[in-house]
Structures are given as C-alpha cells and as structure tokens.
C-alpha atoms as a PDB file:
ATOM      1  CA  MET A   1      95.169  16.391 113.292  1.00  0.00           C
ATOM      2  CA  LYS A   2      95.319  15.704 109.565  1.00  0.00           C
ATOM      3  CA  LYS A   3      98.331  18.006 109.234  1.00  0.00           C
ATOM      4  CA  ILE A   4     100.440  15.835 111.519  1.00  0.00           C
ATOM      5  CA  ALA A   5      99.262  12.397 110.368  1.00  0.00           C
ATOM      6  CA  ILE A   6     101.464  12.074 107.287  1.00  0.00           C
ATOM      7  CA  PRO A   7     104.644  13.531 108.835  1.00  0.00           C
ATOM      8  CA  LEU A   8     104.086  11.451 111.991  1.00  0.00           C
ATOM      9  CA  VAL A   9     103.645   8.186 110.079  1.00  0.00           C
ATOM     10  CA  ALA A  10     106.680   9.007 107.928  1.00  0.00           C
ATOM     11  CA  LEU A  11     108.736   9.905 111.015  1.00  0.00           C
ATOM     12  CA  VAL A  12     107.882   6.691 112.857  1.00  0.00           C
ATOM     13  CA  ALA A  13     108.368   4.433 109.829  1.00  0.00           C
ATOM     14  CA  PHE A  14     111.570   6.095 108.652  1.00  0.00           C
ATOM     15  CA  SER A  15     112.994   6.190 112.195  1.00  0.00           C
ATOM     16  CA  ALA A  16     112.408   2.457 112.569  1.00  0.00           C
ATOM     17  CA  PHE A  17     113.997   1.752 109.201  1.00  0.00           C
ATOM     18  CA  SER A  18     116.949   4.045 109.937  1.00  0.00           C
ATOM     19  CA  LEU A  19     117.585   2.381 113.301  1.00  0.00           C
ATOM     20  CA  TRP A  20     117.532  -1.027 111.615  1.00  0.00           C
ATOM     21  CA  VAL A  21     120.011   0.100 108.944  1.00  0.00           C
ATOM     22  CA  VAL A  22     122.346   1.706 111.488  1.00  0.00           C
ATOM     23  CA  ALA A  23     122.218  -1.425 113.647  1.00  0.00           C
ATOM     24  CA  ALA A  24     123.029  -3.627 110.643  1.00  0.00           C
ATOM     25  CA  GLU A  25     125.574  -1.446 108.830  1.00  0.00           C
ATOM     26  CA  GLY A  26     126.871   1.008 111.426  1.00  0.00           C
ATOM     27  CA  TYR A  27     126.333   4.756 111.652  1.00  0.00           C
ATOM     28  CA  LEU A  28     128.980   5.557 109.031  1.00  0.00           C
ATOM     29  CA  GLY A  29     128.121   2.673 106.707  1.00  0.00           C
ATOM     30  CA  PHE A  30     126.829   5.085 104.071  1.00  0.00           C
ATOM     31  CA  LEU A  31     130.335   6.481 103.560  1.00  0.00           C
ATOM     32  CA  SER A  32     131.640   3.242 102.058  1.00  0.00           C
ATOM     33  CA  LEU A  33     128.701   3.218  99.644  1.00  0.00           C
ATOM     34  CA  ALA A  34     129.377   6.853  98.701  1.00  0.00           C
ATOM     35  CA  ARG A  35     133.078   6.062  98.224  1.00  0.00           C
ATOM     36  CA  ASP A  36     132.513   2.943  96.106  1.00  0.00           C
ATOM     37  CA  GLU A  37     129.418   3.834  94.070  1.00  0.00           C
ATOM     38  CA  PRO A  38     128.822   7.036  92.082  1.00  0.00           C
ATOM     39  CA  TRP A  39     125.082   6.731  92.743  1.00  0.00           C
ATOM     40  CA  GLY A  40     125.774   6.439  96.466  1.00  0.00           C
ATOM     41  CA  LEU A  41     127.758   9.679  96.385  1.00  0.00           C
ATOM     42  CA  GLN A  42     125.084  11.360  94.273  1.00  0.00           C
ATOM     43  CA  LEU A  43     122.365  10.401  96.775  1.00  0.00           C
ATOM     44  CA  LEU A  44     124.481  11.545  99.728  1.00  0.00           C
ATOM     45  CA  LEU A  45     125.094  14.929  98.120  1.00  0.00           C
ATOM     46  CA  ASP A  46     121.437  15.235  97.098  1.00  0.00           C
ATOM     47  CA  VAL A  47     120.237  14.602 100.658  1.00  0.00           C
ATOM     48  CA  ALA A  48     122.830  17.020 102.068  1.00  0.00           C
ATOM     49  CA  ILE A  49     121.720  19.783  99.687  1.00  0.00           C
ATOM     50  CA  ALA A  50     118.031  19.137 100.387  1.00  0.00           C
ATOM     51  CA  CYS A  51     118.595  19.173 104.162  1.00  0.00           C
ATOM     52  CA  PHE A  52     120.583  22.416 103.894  1.00  0.00           C
ATOM     53  CA  LEU A  53     117.822  24.106 101.894  1.00  0.00           C
ATOM     54  CA  TYR A  54     115.144  22.754 104.215  1.00  0.00           C
ATOM     55  CA  SER A  55     117.052  24.019 107.252  1.00  0.00           C
ATOM     56  CA  ILE A  56     116.991  27.560 105.822  1.00  0.00           C
ATOM     57  CA  TRP A  57     113.209  27.371 105.486  1.00  0.00           C
ATOM     58  CA  MET A  58     112.873  25.717 108.899  1.00  0.00           C
ATOM     59  CA  VAL A  59     114.787  28.496 110.678  1.00  0.00           C
ATOM     60  CA  ARG A  60     112.593  31.188 109.105  1.00  0.00           C
ATOM     61  CA  ASP A  61     109.391  29.251 109.791  1.00  0.00           C
ATOM     62  CA  ALA A  62     110.363  28.537 113.408  1.00  0.00           C
ATOM     63  CA  ARG A  63     111.084  32.225 114.041  1.00  0.00           C
ATOM     64  CA  GLU A  64     107.684  33.224 112.628  1.00  0.00           C
ATOM     65  CA  ARG A  65     105.882  30.650 114.775  1.00  0.00           C
ATOM     66  CA  GLY A  66     107.971  31.019 117.917  1.00  0.00           C
ATOM     67  CA  LEU A  67     109.125  27.392 117.816  1.00  0.00           C
ATOM     68  CA  PRO A  68     112.525  26.089 118.906  1.00  0.00           C
ATOM     69  CA  VAL A  69     114.662  25.147 115.927  1.00  0.00           C
ATOM     70  CA  ALA A  70     118.073  24.164 117.340  1.00  0.00           C
ATOM     71  CA  PRO A  71     117.113  20.575 118.310  1.00  0.00           C
ATOM     72  CA  TYR A  72     115.809  19.916 114.815  1.00  0.00           C
ATOM     73  CA  LEU A  73     118.911  21.369 113.156  1.00  0.00           C
ATOM     74  CA  VAL A  74     121.120  19.102 115.285  1.00  0.00           C
ATOM     75  CA  MET A  75     118.859  16.170 114.473  1.00  0.00           C
ATOM     76  CA  MET A  76     119.148  16.957 110.755  1.00  0.00           C
ATOM     77  CA  LEU A  77     122.923  17.119 111.057  1.00  0.00           C
ATOM     78  CA  PHE A  78     123.107  13.609 112.508  1.00  0.00           C
ATOM     79  CA  GLY A  79     119.887  12.045 111.208  1.00  0.00           C
ATOM     80  CA  GLY A  80     119.128  13.793 107.942  1.00  0.00           C
ATOM     81  CA  SER A  81     115.466  14.130 107.114  1.00  0.00           C
ATOM     82  CA  LEU A  82     114.436  12.711 110.492  1.00  0.00           C
ATOM     83  CA  GLY A  83     115.015  16.203 111.896  1.00  0.00           C
ATOM     84  CA  ALA A  84     112.859  17.742 109.176  1.00  0.00           C
ATOM     85  CA  LEU A  85     110.038  15.267 109.809  1.00  0.00           C
ATOM     86  CA  ALA A  86     110.225  15.812 113.569  1.00  0.00           C
ATOM     87  CA  TYR A  87     109.972  19.577 113.031  1.00  0.00           C
ATOM     88  CA  LEU A  88     106.898  19.132 110.826  1.00  0.00           C
ATOM     89  CA  VAL A  89     105.245  17.012 113.520  1.00  0.00           C
ATOM     90  CA  HIS A  90     106.054  19.598 116.217  1.00  0.00           C
ATOM     91  CA  ARG A  91     104.796  22.391 113.962  1.00  0.00           C
ATOM     92  CA  GLY A  92     101.525  20.553 113.334  1.00  0.00           C
ATOM     93  CA  VAL A  93     100.991  19.729 117.009  1.00  0.00           C
ATOM     94  CA  ARG A  94     101.604  23.353 117.973  1.00  0.00           C
ATOM     95  CA  ALA A  95      99.150  24.559 115.322  1.00  0.00           C
ATOM     96  CA  ALA A  96      96.513  22.077 116.515  1.00  0.00           C
ATOM     97  CA  THR A  97      96.889  23.065 120.168  1.00  0.00           C
ATOM     98  CA  SER A  98      96.756  26.764 119.254  1.00  0.00           C
ATOM     99  CA  ALA A  99      93.547  26.168 117.312  1.00  0.00           C
ATOM    100  CA  GLU A 100      92.039  24.223 120.232  1.00  0.00           C
ATOM    101  CA  ARG A 101      92.938  27.021 122.645  1.00  0.00           C
ATOM    102  CA  ALA A 102      91.357  29.587 120.340  1.00  0.00           C
ATOM    103  CA  LEU A 103      88.157  27.514 120.216  1.00  0.00           C
ATOM    104  CA  SER A 104      88.051  27.042 123.979  1.00  0.00           C
ATOM    105  CA  VAL A 105      88.439  30.784 124.512  1.00  0.00           C
ATOM    106  CA  ALA A 106      85.684  31.512 121.979  1.00  0.00           C
ATOM    107  CA  SER A 107      83.272  28.877 123.328  1.00  0.00           C
ATOM    108  CA  PRO A 108      82.259  30.680 126.549  1.00  0.00           C
ATOM    109  CA  LEU A 109      81.539  33.829 124.562  1.00  0.00           C
ATOM    110  CA  VAL A 110      79.255  31.953 122.213  1.00  0.00           C
ATOM    111  CA  SER A 111      77.364  30.276 125.054  1.00  0.00           C
ATOM    112  CA  HIS A 112      76.754  33.668 126.769  1.00  0.00           C
ATOM    113  CA  ARG A 113      75.078  35.067 123.675  1.00  0.00           C
ATOM    114  CA  ARG A 114      72.339  32.432 123.642  1.00  0.00           C
END
C-alpha cells in the first residue's frame, strides 16, 4: 500500500489542479504562454522530453509485468504526467494484489503444517 500512496496522492492533487487550470484558461492555454515567454516554451519542451523518456520506460515495464500500456500513453499525450502517475498507481495496485494472492495461496499450506 505504501508504494501507491505517494503516486495516488500526487495523481489526485495534480488532476484537481489541472482540471482547475483547464477550466480557467482552456485546454490550449499553455500554448500562448509558450509562444510569449521563453520560460514557458522551455517548460513545455522539458515536460515533452520527460514524458517521451518516461513512455519508453513505461512500455518496457508494462510488457515485463503484463500490464496494459496504451491507455496511459494516450493519457500522457493529452494530459502529460497525469498518464505517468496513473500508470504508477495501476502498477502499485497490481503488485499489491499479486502479493496478497501469493499470501492467500501460501496461508493454507502453512496452516496444514501445524
């Protein structure tokens, strides 16, 4: 549960903030900032590069774990790091449920040995 707490809190908080900004400024409001301010363009490019690099890791990690990756890639395309955070939450939930299943399978064996 600890593995999903931080990504889950970040996902919920950042989603709420992002929805507020989009409602106030519009979905493409960041483009005017990137056009008018060098720092705005720098931040936009920085986030795009980081999301691209993260998506490479995410595809490899999802294949190794047997997780779906397409929804998170689409989410990253339209929502930036929200897709990355959602993937981390899904990854943590899957790991926790796998661990619980492993314990529940092992529990009857332990009780038979007593």
